[in-house]
């Protein structure tokens, strides 16, 4: 694949990935019950964990968007790999909670993300 097409693929996948991560973190700040298992009660601890999620995902989204708009392929490769690893970590949270949606979604996004990074890394310049 040509570098230009690989950069487009990686930009689209990584951009969507980090925007999903950031939007879920913001939703967790607005309504922590959305992020908790069914039957849980939202308290200060849930809000604190939502703050940690936002502190991780919002700066990642900003740096990914900068690397996309500036067309920094190497930076996008590193940040895309990080975003893929984060998705696999989120998959383990879904496994722990026994929630199929929180397991399959991050797994699929993580695989797609790492594929896009692999394509970008091996693209012909």
PDB file of N, CA and C in Angstrom:
ATOM      1  N   UNK A   1       0.847  -1.177   0.000  1.00  0.00           N
ATOM      2  CA  UNK A   1       0.000   0.000   0.000  1.00  0.00           C
ATOM      3  C   UNK A   1       0.890   1.236   0.000  1.00  0.00           C
ATOM      4  N   UNK A   2       0.476   2.237  -0.706  1.00  0.00           N
ATOM      5  CA  UNK A   2       1.214   3.488  -0.746  1.00  0.00           C
ATOM      6  C   UNK A   2       1.107   4.198   0.605  1.00  0.00           C
ATOM      7  N   UNK A   3       2.129   4.966   0.917  1.00  0.00           N
ATOM      8  CA  UNK A   3       2.174   5.650   2.209  1.00  0.00           C
ATOM      9  C   UNK A   3       0.977   6.579   2.390  1.00  0.00           C
ATOM     10  N   UNK A   4       0.596   7.292   1.345  1.00  0.00           N
ATOM     11  CA  UNK A   4      -0.505   8.247   1.438  1.00  0.00           C
ATOM     12  C   UNK A   4      -1.809   7.541   1.821  1.00  0.00           C
ATOM     13  N   UNK A   5      -2.084   6.407   1.200  1.00  0.00           N
ATOM     14  CA  UNK A   5      -3.299   5.640   1.515  1.00  0.00           C
ATOM     15  C   UNK A   5      -3.216   5.018   2.906  1.00  0.00           C
ATOM     16  N   UNK A   6      -2.034   4.549   3.274  1.00  0.00           N
ATOM     17  CA  UNK A   6      -1.854   3.975   4.601  1.00  0.00           C
ATOM     18  C   UNK A   6      -2.043   5.042   5.676  1.00  0.00           C
ATOM     19  N   UNK A   7      -1.549   6.248   5.403  1.00  0.00           N
ATOM     20  CA  UNK A   7      -1.721   7.344   6.358  1.00  0.00           C
ATOM     21  C   UNK A   7      -3.198   7.706   6.488  1.00  0.00           C
ATOM     22  N   UNK A   8      -3.931   7.676   5.391  1.00  0.00           N
ATOM     23  CA  UNK A   8      -5.376   7.951   5.449  1.00  0.00           C
ATOM     24  C   UNK A   8      -6.098   6.899   6.285  1.00  0.00           C
ATOM     25  N   UNK A   9      -5.768   5.622   6.045  1.00  0.00           N
ATOM     26  CA  UNK A   9      -6.392   4.545   6.813  1.00  0.00           C
ATOM     27  C   UNK A   9      -6.088   4.688   8.298  1.00  0.00           C
ATOM     28  N   UNK A  10      -4.811   4.870   8.617  1.00  0.00           N
ATOM     29  CA  UNK A  10      -4.412   4.994  10.025  1.00  0.00           C
ATOM     30  C   UNK A  10      -5.029   6.231  10.660  1.00  0.00           C
ATOM     31  N   UNK A  11      -5.133   7.310   9.899  1.00  0.00           N
ATOM     32  CA  UNK A  11      -5.741   8.532  10.430  1.00  0.00           C
ATOM     33  C   UNK A  11      -7.210   8.320  10.747  1.00  0.00           C
ATOM     34  N   UNK A  12      -7.926   7.679   9.838  1.00  0.00           N
ATOM     35  CA  UNK A  12      -9.361   7.445  10.050  1.00  0.00           C
ATOM     36  C   UNK A  12      -9.602   6.517  11.236  1.00  0.00           C
ATOM     37  N   UNK A  13      -8.874   5.411  11.282  1.00  0.00           N
ATOM     38  CA  UNK A  13      -9.078   4.428  12.357  1.00  0.00           C
ATOM     39  C   UNK A  13      -8.646   5.005  13.703  1.00  0.00           C
ATOM     40  N   UNK A  14      -7.473   5.615  13.746  1.00  0.00           N
ATOM     41  CA  UNK A  14      -6.961   6.138  15.010  1.00  0.00           C
ATOM     42  C   UNK A  14      -7.799   7.318  15.484  1.00  0.00           C
ATOM     43  N   UNK A  15      -8.182   8.192  14.558  1.00  0.00           N
ATOM     44  CA  UNK A  15      -9.023   9.324  14.930  1.00  0.00           C
ATOM     45  C   UNK A  15     -10.352   8.876  15.510  1.00  0.00           C
ATOM     46  N   UNK A  16     -11.006   7.930  14.844  1.00  0.00           N
ATOM     47  CA  UNK A  16     -12.277   7.414  15.355  1.00  0.00           C
ATOM     48  C   UNK A  16     -12.088   6.734  16.705  1.00  0.00           C
ATOM     49  N   UNK A  17     -11.019   5.969  16.828  1.00  0.00           N
ATOM     50  CA  UNK A  17     -10.740   5.245  18.068  1.00  0.00           C
ATOM     51  C   UNK A  17     -10.595   6.203  19.251  1.00  0.00           C
ATOM     52  N   UNK A  18      -9.742   7.211  19.112  1.00  0.00           N
ATOM     53  CA  UNK A  18      -9.506   8.102  20.250  1.00  0.00           C
ATOM     54  C   UNK A  18     -10.700   9.010  20.518  1.00  0.00           C
ATOM     55  N   UNK A  19     -11.466   9.341  19.483  1.00  0.00           N
ATOM     56  CA  UNK A  19     -12.674  10.137  19.724  1.00  0.00           C
ATOM     57  C   UNK A  19     -13.726   9.318  20.470  1.00  0.00           C
ATOM     58  N   UNK A  20     -13.795   8.019  20.191  1.00  0.00           N
ATOM     59  CA  UNK A  20     -14.689   7.144  20.955  1.00  0.00           C
ATOM     60  C   UNK A  20     -14.228   7.067  22.407  1.00  0.00           C
ATOM     61  N   UNK A  21     -12.922   6.886  22.618  1.00  0.00           N
ATOM     62  CA  UNK A  21     -12.383   6.837  23.986  1.00  0.00           C
ATOM     63  C   UNK A  21     -12.688   8.121  24.742  1.00  0.00           C
ATOM     64  N   UNK A  22     -12.432   9.261  24.096  1.00  0.00           N
ATOM     65  CA  UNK A  22     -12.643  10.552  24.757  1.00  0.00           C
ATOM     66  C   UNK A  22     -14.126  10.795  25.027  1.00  0.00           C
ATOM     67  N   UNK A  23     -14.985  10.444  24.089  1.00  0.00           N
ATOM     68  CA  UNK A  23     -16.413  10.679  24.293  1.00  0.00           C
ATOM     69  C   UNK A  23     -16.962   9.812  25.426  1.00  0.00           C
ATOM     70  N   UNK A  24     -16.490   8.578  25.534  1.00  0.00           N
ATOM     71  CA  UNK A  24     -16.925   7.733  26.649  1.00  0.00           C
ATOM     72  C   UNK A  24     -16.441   8.291  27.982  1.00  0.00           C
ATOM     73  N   UNK A  25     -15.247   8.863  28.002  1.00  0.00           N
ATOM     74  CA  UNK A  25     -14.738   9.468  29.231  1.00  0.00           C
ATOM     75  C   UNK A  25     -15.579  10.684  29.624  1.00  0.00           C
ATOM     76  N   UNK A  26     -15.962  11.481  28.646  1.00  0.00           N
ATOM     77  CA  UNK A  26     -16.799  12.647  28.939  1.00  0.00           C
ATOM     78  C   UNK A  26     -18.182  12.209  29.419  1.00  0.00           C
ATOM     79  N   UNK A  27     -18.730  11.171  28.807  1.00  0.00           N
ATOM     80  CA  UNK A  27     -20.020  10.641  29.264  1.00  0.00           C
ATOM     81  C   UNK A  27     -19.902  10.152  30.704  1.00  0.00           C
ATOM     82  N   UNK A  28     -18.781   9.526  31.030  1.00  0.00           N
ATOM     83  CA  UNK A  28     -18.558   9.078  32.403  1.00  0.00           C
ATOM     84  C   UNK A  28     -18.484  10.228  33.390  1.00  0.00           C
ATOM     85  N   UNK A  29     -17.999  11.381  32.947  1.00  0.00           N
ATOM     86  CA  UNK A  29     -17.968  12.561  33.814  1.00  0.00           C
ATOM     87  C   UNK A  29     -19.369  13.140  34.004  1.00  0.00           C
ATOM     88  N   UNK A  30     -20.149  13.152  32.928  1.00  0.00           N
ATOM     89  CA  UNK A  30     -21.493  13.721  32.986  1.00  0.00           C
ATOM     90  C   UNK A  30     -22.437  12.807  33.759  1.00  0.00           C
ATOM     91  N   UNK A  31     -22.368  11.510  33.466  1.00  0.00           N
ATOM     92  CA  UNK A  31     -23.249  10.545  34.130  1.00  0.00           C
ATOM     93  C   UNK A  31     -22.463   9.271  34.431  1.00  0.00           C
ATOM     94  N   UNK A  32     -21.835   9.185  35.598  1.00  0.00           N
ATOM     95  CA  UNK A  32     -21.010   8.010  35.922  1.00  0.00           C
ATOM     96  C   UNK A  32     -21.775   6.687  35.912  1.00  0.00           C
ATOM     97  N   UNK A  33     -23.087   6.721  36.081  1.00  0.00           N
ATOM     98  CA  UNK A  33     -23.866   5.472  36.063  1.00  0.00           C
ATOM     99  C   UNK A  33     -23.779   4.766  34.715  1.00  0.00           C
ATOM    100  N   UNK A  34     -23.556   5.528  33.643  1.00  0.00           N
ATOM    101  CA  UNK A  34     -23.456   4.923  32.319  1.00  0.00           C
ATOM    102  C   UNK A  34     -22.256   3.984  32.233  1.00  0.00           C
ATOM    103  N   UNK A  35     -21.200   4.278  32.955  1.00  0.00           N
ATOM    104  CA  UNK A  35     -19.971   3.488  32.882  1.00  0.00           C
ATOM    105  C   UNK A  35     -19.946   2.339  33.896  1.00  0.00           C
ATOM    106  N   UNK A  36     -20.848   2.354  34.838  1.00  0.00           N
ATOM    107  CA  UNK A  36     -20.840   1.345  35.904  1.00  0.00           C
ATOM    108  C   UNK A  36     -21.699   0.139  35.516  1.00  0.00           C
ATOM    109  N   UNK A  37     -21.418  -1.015  36.113  1.00  0.00           N
ATOM    110  CA  UNK A  37     -22.267  -2.185  35.869  1.00  0.00           C
ATOM    111  C   UNK A  37     -23.697  -1.927  36.350  1.00  0.00           C
ATOM    112  N   UNK A  38     -24.632  -2.662  35.784  1.00  0.00           N
ATOM    113  CA  UNK A  38     -26.046  -2.505  36.155  1.00  0.00           C
ATOM    114  C   UNK A  38     -26.229  -2.744  37.646  1.00  0.00           C
ATOM    115  N   UNK A  39     -27.041  -1.912  38.265  1.00  0.00           N
ATOM    116  CA  UNK A  39     -27.320  -2.053  39.688  1.00  0.00           C
ATOM    117  C   UNK A  39     -26.343  -1.336  40.586  1.00  0.00           C
ATOM    118  N   UNK A  40     -25.330  -0.691  40.018  1.00  0.00           N
ATOM    119  CA  UNK A  40     -24.354   0.027  40.828  1.00  0.00           C
ATOM    120  C   UNK A  40     -24.889   1.400  41.209  1.00  0.00           C
ATOM    121  N   UNK A  41     -24.290   1.958  42.236  1.00  0.00           N
ATOM    122  CA  UNK A  41     -24.648   3.287  42.704  1.00  0.00           C
ATOM    123  C   UNK A  41     -23.472   4.214  42.434  1.00  0.00           C
ATOM    124  N   UNK A  42     -23.754   5.349  41.800  1.00  0.00           N
ATOM    125  CA  UNK A  42     -22.696   6.323  41.520  1.00  0.00           C
ATOM    126  C   UNK A  42     -22.341   7.064  42.803  1.00  0.00           C
ATOM    127  N   UNK A  43     -21.057   7.195  43.063  1.00  0.00           N
ATOM    128  CA  UNK A  43     -20.577   7.946  44.215  1.00  0.00           C
ATOM    129  C   UNK A  43     -19.337   8.727  43.795  1.00  0.00           C
ATOM    130  N   UNK A  44     -18.649   9.307  44.760  1.00  0.00           N
ATOM    131  CA  UNK A  44     -17.456  10.097  44.448  1.00  0.00           C
ATOM    132  C   UNK A  44     -16.351   9.254  43.821  1.00  0.00           C
ATOM    133  N   UNK A  45     -16.271   7.994  44.188  1.00  0.00           N
ATOM    134  CA  UNK A  45     -15.233   7.127  43.620  1.00  0.00           C
ATOM    135  C   UNK A  45     -15.465   6.916  42.129  1.00  0.00           C
ATOM    136  N   UNK A  46     -16.719   6.754  41.722  1.00  0.00           N
ATOM    137  CA  UNK A  46     -17.026   6.585  40.296  1.00  0.00           C
ATOM    138  C   UNK A  46     -16.643   7.833  39.522  1.00  0.00           C
ATOM    139  N   UNK A  47     -16.911   8.996  40.086  1.00  0.00           N
ATOM    140  CA  UNK A  47     -16.541  10.243  39.426  1.00  0.00           C
ATOM    141  C   UNK A  47     -15.032  10.389  39.341  1.00  0.00           C
ATOM    142  N   UNK A  48     -14.327   9.962  40.398  1.00  0.00           N
ATOM    143  CA  UNK A  48     -12.862  10.027  40.392  1.00  0.00           C
ATOM    144  C   UNK A  48     -12.290   9.133  39.298  1.00  0.00           C
ATOM    145  N   UNK A  49     -12.822   7.935  39.143  1.00  0.00           N
ATOM    146  CA  UNK A  49     -12.347   7.050  38.080  1.00  0.00           C
ATOM    147  C   UNK A  49     -12.683   7.609  36.701  1.00  0.00           C
ATOM    148  N   UNK A  50     -13.821   8.288  36.582  1.00  0.00           N
ATOM    149  CA  UNK A  50     -14.159   8.948  35.311  1.00  0.00           C
ATOM    150  C   UNK A  50     -13.158  10.065  35.010  1.00  0.00           C
ATOM    151  N   UNK A  51     -12.717  10.771  36.049  1.00  0.00           N
ATOM    152  CA  UNK A  51     -11.686  11.801  35.859  1.00  0.00           C
ATOM    153  C   UNK A  51     -10.380  11.179  35.375  1.00  0.00           C
ATOM    154  N   UNK A  52     -10.010  10.039  35.931  1.00  0.00           N
ATOM    155  CA  UNK A  52      -8.800   9.347  35.466  1.00  0.00           C
ATOM    156  C   UNK A  52      -8.929   8.932  34.007  1.00  0.00           C
ATOM    157  N   UNK A  53     -10.094   8.430  33.621  1.00  0.00           N
ATOM    158  CA  UNK A  53     -10.314   8.039  32.223  1.00  0.00           C
ATOM    159  C   UNK A  53     -10.218   9.247  31.306  1.00  0.00           C
ATOM    160  N   UNK A  54     -10.786  10.363  31.731  1.00  0.00           N
ATOM    161  CA  UNK A  54     -10.721  11.587  30.922  1.00  0.00           C
ATOM    162  C   UNK A  54      -9.290  12.104  30.842  1.00  0.00           C
ATOM    163  N   UNK A  55      -8.565  12.027  31.935  1.00  0.00           N
ATOM    164  CA  UNK A  55      -7.176  12.502  31.952  1.00  0.00           C
ATOM    165  C   UNK A  55      -6.294  11.671  31.024  1.00  0.00           C
ATOM    166  N   UNK A  56      -6.665  10.457  30.778  1.00  0.00           N
ATOM    167  CA  UNK A  56      -5.906   9.582  29.884  1.00  0.00           C
ATOM    168  C   UNK A  56      -6.321   9.768  28.437  1.00  0.00           C
ATOM    169  N   UNK A  57      -7.610   9.846  28.201  1.00  0.00           N
ATOM    170  CA  UNK A  57      -8.079   9.777  26.821  1.00  0.00           C
ATOM    171  C   UNK A  57      -8.186  11.126  26.116  1.00  0.00           C
ATOM    172  N   UNK A  58      -8.480  12.185  26.815  1.00  0.00           N
ATOM    173  CA  UNK A  58      -8.613  13.484  26.151  1.00  0.00           C
ATOM    174  C   UNK A  58      -7.275  13.993  25.624  1.00  0.00           C
ATOM    175  N   UNK A  59      -6.189  13.963  26.414  1.00  0.00           N
ATOM    176  CA  UNK A  59      -4.898  14.374  25.836  1.00  0.00           C
ATOM    177  C   UNK A  59      -4.452  13.468  24.688  1.00  0.00           C
ATOM    178  N   UNK A  60      -4.728  12.174  24.780  1.00  0.00           N
ATOM    179  CA  UNK A  60      -4.395  11.268  23.681  1.00  0.00           C
ATOM    180  C   UNK A  60      -5.138  11.675  22.419  1.00  0.00           C
ATOM    181  N   UNK A  61      -6.414  11.999  22.552  1.00  0.00           N
ATOM    182  CA  UNK A  61      -7.197  12.430  21.394  1.00  0.00           C
ATOM    183  C   UNK A  61      -6.635  13.719  20.800  1.00  0.00           C
ATOM    184  N   UNK A  62      -6.244  14.650  21.643  1.00  0.00           N
ATOM    185  CA  UNK A  62      -5.689  15.921  21.144  1.00  0.00           C
ATOM    186  C   UNK A  62      -4.407  15.673  20.359  1.00  0.00           C
ATOM    187  N   UNK A  63      -3.508  14.866  20.900  1.00  0.00           N
ATOM    188  CA  UNK A  63      -2.239  14.606  20.214  1.00  0.00           C
ATOM    189  C   UNK A  63      -2.441  13.807  18.929  1.00  0.00           C
ATOM    190  N   UNK A  64      -3.385  12.881  18.934  1.00  0.00           N
ATOM    191  CA  UNK A  64      -3.678  12.137  17.707  1.00  0.00           C
ATOM    192  C   UNK A  64      -4.231  13.075  16.641  1.00  0.00           C
ATOM    193  N   UNK A  65      -5.156  13.938  17.020  1.00  0.00           N
ATOM    194  CA  UNK A  65      -5.713  14.873  16.039  1.00  0.00           C
ATOM    195  C   UNK A  65      -4.640  15.818  15.493  1.00  0.00           C
ATOM    196  N   UNK A  66      -3.713  16.257  16.346  1.00  0.00           N
ATOM    197  CA  UNK A  66      -2.601  17.088  15.870  1.00  0.00           C
ATOM    198  C   UNK A  66      -1.743  16.309  14.879  1.00  0.00           C
ATOM    199  N   UNK A  67      -1.439  15.056  15.200  1.00  0.00           N
ATOM    200  CA  UNK A  67      -0.608  14.257  14.293  1.00  0.00           C
ATOM    201  C   UNK A  67      -1.324  13.973  12.976  1.00  0.00           C
ATOM    202  N   UNK A  68      -2.645  13.858  13.008  1.00  0.00           N
ATOM    203  CA  UNK A  68      -3.408  13.650  11.770  1.00  0.00           C
ATOM    204  C   UNK A  68      -3.359  14.905  10.910  1.00  0.00           C
ATOM    205  N   UNK A  69      -3.654  16.044  11.503  1.00  0.00           N
ATOM    206  CA  UNK A  69      -3.712  17.275  10.723  1.00  0.00           C
ATOM    207  C   UNK A  69      -2.333  17.733  10.248  1.00  0.00           C
ATOM    208  N   UNK A  70      -1.286  17.408  10.998  1.00  0.00           N
ATOM    209  CA  UNK A  70       0.071  17.775  10.585  1.00  0.00           C
ATOM    210  C   UNK A  70       0.717  16.692   9.728  1.00  0.00           C
ATOM    211  N   UNK A  71       0.018  15.567   9.558  1.00  0.00           N
ATOM    212  CA  UNK A  71       0.496  14.420   8.776  1.00  0.00           C
ATOM    213  C   UNK A  71       1.837  13.888   9.296  1.00  0.00           C
ATOM    214  N   UNK A  72       1.901  13.713  10.604  1.00  0.00           N
ATOM    215  CA  UNK A  72       3.090  13.137  11.240  1.00  0.00           C
ATOM    216  C   UNK A  72       2.900  11.625  11.337  1.00  0.00           C
ATOM    217  N   UNK A  73       3.399  10.910  10.338  1.00  0.00           N
ATOM    218  CA  UNK A  73       3.199   9.471  10.273  1.00  0.00           C
ATOM    219  C   UNK A  73       3.808   8.709  11.430  1.00  0.00           C
ATOM    220  N   UNK A  74       5.024   9.069  11.818  1.00  0.00           N
ATOM    221  CA  UNK A  74       5.674   8.343  12.928  1.00  0.00           C
ATOM    222  C   UNK A  74       4.963   8.577  14.248  1.00  0.00           C
ATOM    223  N   UNK A  75       4.550   9.814  14.467  1.00  0.00           N
ATOM    224  CA  UNK A  75       3.820  10.124  15.694  1.00  0.00           C
ATOM    225  C   UNK A  75       2.488   9.376  15.726  1.00  0.00           C
ATOM    226  N   UNK A  76       1.819   9.313  14.579  1.00  0.00           N
ATOM    227  CA  UNK A  76       0.551   8.598  14.484  1.00  0.00           C
ATOM    228  C   UNK A  76       0.748   7.099  14.707  1.00  0.00           C
ATOM    229  N   UNK A  77       1.875   6.575  14.256  1.00  0.00           N
ATOM    230  CA  UNK A  77       2.171   5.159  14.476  1.00  0.00           C
ATOM    231  C   UNK A  77       2.283   4.856  15.970  1.00  0.00           C
ATOM    232  N   UNK A  78       3.033   5.670  16.678  1.00  0.00           N
ATOM    233  CA  UNK A  78       3.230   5.447  18.117  1.00  0.00           C
ATOM    234  C   UNK A  78       1.918   5.633  18.877  1.00  0.00           C
ATOM    235  N   UNK A  79       1.217   6.723  18.597  1.00  0.00           N
ATOM    236  CA  UNK A  79      -0.037   6.979  19.307  1.00  0.00           C
ATOM    237  C   UNK A  79      -1.115   5.974  18.927  1.00  0.00           C
ATOM    238  N   UNK A  80      -1.122   5.531  17.676  1.00  0.00           N
ATOM    239  CA  UNK A  80      -2.075   4.504  17.258  1.00  0.00           C
ATOM    240  C   UNK A  80      -1.821   3.182  17.958  1.00  0.00           C
ATOM    241  N   UNK A  81      -0.546   2.825  18.106  1.00  0.00           N
ATOM    242  CA  UNK A  81      -0.201   1.606  18.839  1.00  0.00           C
ATOM    243  C   UNK A  81      -0.673   1.722  20.287  1.00  0.00           C
ATOM    244  N   UNK A  82      -0.444   2.878  20.900  1.00  0.00           N
ATOM    245  CA  UNK A  82      -0.896   3.103  22.272  1.00  0.00           C
ATOM    246  C   UNK A  82      -2.416   2.993  22.376  1.00  0.00           C
ATOM    247  N   UNK A  83      -3.133   3.589  21.426  1.00  0.00           N
ATOM    248  CA  UNK A  83      -4.598   3.520  21.437  1.00  0.00           C
ATOM    249  C   UNK A  83      -5.084   2.074  21.289  1.00  0.00           C
ATOM    250  N   UNK A  84      -4.385   1.282  20.480  1.00  0.00           N
ATOM    251  CA  UNK A  84      -4.749  -0.127  20.342  1.00  0.00           C
ATOM    252  C   UNK A  84      -4.539  -0.903  21.628  1.00  0.00           C
ATOM    253  N   UNK A  85      -3.422  -0.648  22.294  1.00  0.00           N
ATOM    254  CA  UNK A  85      -3.148  -1.319  23.577  1.00  0.00           C
ATOM    255  C   UNK A  85      -4.191  -0.921  24.621  1.00  0.00           C
ATOM    256  N   UNK A  86      -4.586   0.342  24.617  1.00  0.00           N
ATOM    257  CA  UNK A  86      -5.619   0.796  25.550  1.00  0.00           C
ATOM    258  C   UNK A  86      -6.926   0.050  25.290  1.00  0.00           C
ATOM    259  N   UNK A  87      -7.266  -0.168  24.020  1.00  0.00           N
ATOM    260  CA  UNK A  87      -8.486  -0.910  23.714  1.00  0.00           C
ATOM    261  C   UNK A  87      -8.413  -2.336  24.248  1.00  0.00           C
ATOM    262  N   UNK A  88      -7.247  -2.970  24.118  1.00  0.00           N
ATOM    263  CA  UNK A  88      -7.115  -4.329  24.657  1.00  0.00           C
ATOM    264  C   UNK A  88      -7.201  -4.324  26.183  1.00  0.00           C
ATOM    265  N   UNK A  89      -6.689  -3.287  26.839  1.00  0.00           N
ATOM    266  CA  UNK A  89      -6.844  -3.177  28.292  1.00  0.00           C
ATOM    267  C   UNK A  89      -8.317  -2.993  28.651  1.00  0.00           C
ATOM    268  N   UNK A  90      -9.038  -2.188  27.871  1.00  0.00           N
ATOM    269  CA  UNK A  90     -10.469  -2.021  28.106  1.00  0.00           C
ATOM    270  C   UNK A  90     -11.230  -3.329  27.890  1.00  0.00           C
ATOM    271  N   UNK A  91     -10.745  -4.155  26.976  1.00  0.00           N
ATOM    272  CA  UNK A  91     -11.371  -5.455  26.752  1.00  0.00           C
ATOM    273  C   UNK A  91     -11.312  -6.301  28.032  1.00  0.00           C
ATOM    274  N   UNK A  92     -10.198  -6.237  28.731  1.00  0.00           N
ATOM    275  CA  UNK A  92     -10.071  -7.007  29.961  1.00  0.00           C
ATOM    276  C   UNK A  92     -11.018  -6.508  31.042  1.00  0.00           C
ATOM    277  N   UNK A  93     -11.318  -5.212  31.023  1.00  0.00           N
ATOM    278  CA  UNK A  93     -12.330  -4.686  31.947  1.00  0.00           C
ATOM    279  C   UNK A  93     -13.683  -5.317  31.626  1.00  0.00           C
ATOM    280  N   UNK A  94     -14.006  -5.412  30.342  1.00  0.00           N
ATOM    281  CA  UNK A  94     -15.260  -6.047  29.935  1.00  0.00           C
ATOM    282  C   UNK A  94     -15.321  -7.507  30.333  1.00  0.00           C
ATOM    283  N   UNK A  95     -14.193  -8.202  30.207  1.00  0.00           N
ATOM    284  CA  UNK A  95     -14.142  -9.609  30.632  1.00  0.00           C
ATOM    285  C   UNK A  95     -14.368  -9.708  32.135  1.00  0.00           C
ATOM    286  N   UNK A  96     -13.720  -8.826  32.891  1.00  0.00           N
ATOM    287  CA  UNK A  96     -13.871  -8.834  34.352  1.00  0.00           C
ATOM    288  C   UNK A  96     -15.315  -8.582  34.759  1.00  0.00           C
ATOM    289  N   UNK A  97     -15.987  -7.640  34.065  1.00  0.00           N
ATOM    290  CA  UNK A  97     -17.371  -7.324  34.396  1.00  0.00           C
ATOM    291  C   UNK A  97     -18.354  -8.350  33.828  1.00  0.00           C
ATOM    292  N   UNK A  98     -17.898  -9.211  32.919  1.00  0.00           N
ATOM    293  CA  UNK A  98     -18.779 -10.185  32.303  1.00  0.00           C
ATOM    294  C   UNK A  98     -19.735  -9.553  31.304  1.00  0.00           C
ATOM    295  N   UNK A  99     -19.333  -8.427  30.723  1.00  0.00           N
ATOM    296  CA  UNK A  99     -20.165  -7.689  29.765  1.00  0.00           C
ATOM    297  C   UNK A  99     -19.631  -7.953  28.361  1.00  0.00           C
ATOM    298  N   UNK A 100     -20.428  -8.639  27.554  1.00  0.00           N
ATOM    299  CA  UNK A 100     -20.003  -9.016  26.205  1.00  0.00           C
ATOM    300  C   UNK A 100     -19.747  -7.790  25.326  1.00  0.00           C
ATOM    301  N   UNK A 101     -20.588  -6.775  25.439  1.00  0.00           N
ATOM    302  CA  UNK A 101     -20.412  -5.566  24.640  1.00  0.00           C
ATOM    303  C   UNK A 101     -19.128  -4.824  24.970  1.00  0.00           C
ATOM    304  N   UNK A 102     -18.777  -4.795  26.266  1.00  0.00           N
ATOM    305  CA  UNK A 102     -17.543  -4.131  26.690  1.00  0.00           C
ATOM    306  C   UNK A 102     -16.316  -5.001  26.450  1.00  0.00           C
ATOM    307  N   UNK A 103     -16.531  -6.212  25.981  1.00  0.00           N
ATOM    308  CA  UNK A 103     -15.423  -7.103  25.643  1.00  0.00           C
ATOM    309  C   UNK A 103     -15.180  -7.139  24.138  1.00  0.00           C
ATOM    310  N   UNK A 104     -16.231  -7.380  23.375  1.00  0.00           N
ATOM    311  CA  UNK A 104     -16.100  -7.539  21.923  1.00  0.00           C
ATOM    312  C   UNK A 104     -15.769  -6.213  21.237  1.00  0.00           C
ATOM    313  N   UNK A 105     -16.418  -5.127  21.653  1.00  0.00           N
ATOM    314  CA  UNK A 105     -16.173  -3.817  21.035  1.00  0.00           C
ATOM    315  C   UNK A 105     -14.721  -3.378  21.125  1.00  0.00           C
ATOM    316  N   UNK A 106     -14.147  -3.334  22.335  1.00  0.00           N
ATOM    317  CA  UNK A 106     -12.733  -2.966  22.440  1.00  0.00           C
ATOM    318  C   UNK A 106     -11.794  -3.945  21.732  1.00  0.00           C
ATOM    319  N   UNK A 107     -12.141  -5.239  21.732  1.00  0.00           N
ATOM    320  CA  UNK A 107     -11.299  -6.206  21.031  1.00  0.00           C
ATOM    321  C   UNK A 107     -11.275  -5.913  19.537  1.00  0.00           C
ATOM    322  N   UNK A 108     -12.457  -5.677  18.957  1.00  0.00           N
ATOM    323  CA  UNK A 108     -12.534  -5.387  17.523  1.00  0.00           C
ATOM    324  C   UNK A 108     -11.813  -4.083  17.188  1.00  0.00           C
ATOM    325  N   UNK A 109     -12.035  -3.048  17.992  1.00  0.00           N
ATOM    326  CA  UNK A 109     -11.348  -1.773  17.749  1.00  0.00           C
ATOM    327  C   UNK A 109      -9.836  -1.910  17.922  1.00  0.00           C
ATOM    328  N   UNK A 110      -9.412  -2.677  18.905  1.00  0.00           N
ATOM    329  CA  UNK A 110      -7.980  -2.884  19.117  1.00  0.00           C
ATOM    330  C   UNK A 110      -7.331  -3.609  17.950  1.00  0.00           C
ATOM    331  N   UNK A 111      -8.000  -4.640  17.441  1.00  0.00           N
ATOM    332  CA  UNK A 111      -7.465  -5.366  16.276  1.00  0.00           C
ATOM    333  C   UNK A 111      -7.405  -4.467  15.049  1.00  0.00           C
ATOM    334  N   UNK A 112      -8.474  -3.730  14.799  1.00  0.00           N
ATOM    335  CA  UNK A 112      -8.494  -2.808  13.662  1.00  0.00           C
ATOM    336  C   UNK A 112      -7.413  -1.741  13.806  1.00  0.00           C
ATOM    337  N   UNK A 113      -7.243  -1.246  15.024  1.00  0.00           N
ATOM    338  CA  UNK A 113      -6.236  -0.212  15.276  1.00  0.00           C
ATOM    339  C   UNK A 113      -4.823  -0.747  15.023  1.00  0.00           C
ATOM    340  N   UNK A 114      -4.518  -1.904  15.533  1.00  0.00           N
ATOM    341  CA  UNK A 114      -3.175  -2.457  15.339  1.00  0.00           C
ATOM    342  C   UNK A 114      -2.932  -2.825  13.880  1.00  0.00           C
ATOM    343  N   UNK A 115      -3.980  -3.246  13.159  1.00  0.00           N
ATOM    344  CA  UNK A 115      -3.841  -3.497  11.731  1.00  0.00           C
ATOM    345  C   UNK A 115      -3.503  -2.196  10.999  1.00  0.00           C
ATOM    346  N   UNK A 116      -4.204  -1.118  11.322  1.00  0.00           N
ATOM    347  CA  UNK A 116      -3.942   0.171  10.674  1.00  0.00           C
ATOM    348  C   UNK A 116      -2.520   0.652  10.963  1.00  0.00           C
ATOM    349  N   UNK A 117      -2.046   0.443  12.177  1.00  0.00           N
ATOM    350  CA  UNK A 117      -0.668   0.822  12.527  1.00  0.00           C
ATOM    351  C   UNK A 117       0.325  -0.035  11.750  1.00  0.00           C
ATOM    352  N   UNK A 118       0.037  -1.327  11.632  1.00  0.00           N
ATOM    353  CA  UNK A 118       0.920  -2.219  10.906  1.00  0.00           C
ATOM    354  C   UNK A 118       1.006  -1.803   9.425  1.00  0.00           C
ATOM    355  N   UNK A 119      -0.153  -1.492   8.833  1.00  0.00           N
ATOM    356  CA  UNK A 119      -0.182  -1.044   7.446  1.00  0.00           C
ATOM    357  C   UNK A 119       0.632   0.240   7.278  1.00  0.00           C
ATOM    358  N   UNK A 120       0.451   1.179   8.203  1.00  0.00           N
ATOM    359  CA  UNK A 120       1.202   2.445   8.113  1.00  0.00           C
ATOM    360  C   UNK A 120       2.697   2.205   8.272  1.00  0.00           C
ATOM    361  N   UNK A 121       3.064   1.329   9.174  1.00  0.00           N
ATOM    362  CA  UNK A 121       4.487   1.067   9.416  1.00  0.00           C
ATOM    363  C   UNK A 121       5.147   0.399   8.210  1.00  0.00           C
ATOM    364  N   UNK A 122       4.401  -0.407   7.486  1.00  0.00           N
ATOM    365  CA  UNK A 122       4.971  -1.156   6.360  1.00  0.00           C
ATOM    366  C   UNK A 122       4.617  -0.559   4.994  1.00  0.00           C
ATOM    367  N   UNK A 123       4.114   0.642   4.973  1.00  0.00           N
ATOM    368  CA  UNK A 123       3.725   1.287   3.720  1.00  0.00           C
ATOM    369  C   UNK A 123       4.967   1.691   2.910  1.00  0.00           C
ATOM    370  N   UNK A 124       4.816   1.636   1.614  1.00  0.00           N
ATOM    371  CA  UNK A 124       5.920   2.035   0.712  1.00  0.00           C
ATOM    372  C   UNK A 124       5.918   3.538   0.581  1.00  0.00           C
ATOM    373  N   UNK A 125       7.058   4.126   0.850  1.00  0.00           N
ATOM    374  CA  UNK A 125       7.183   5.574   0.733  1.00  0.00           C
ATOM    375  C   UNK A 125       7.610   5.939  -0.657  1.00  0.00           C
TER     376      UNK A 125
END
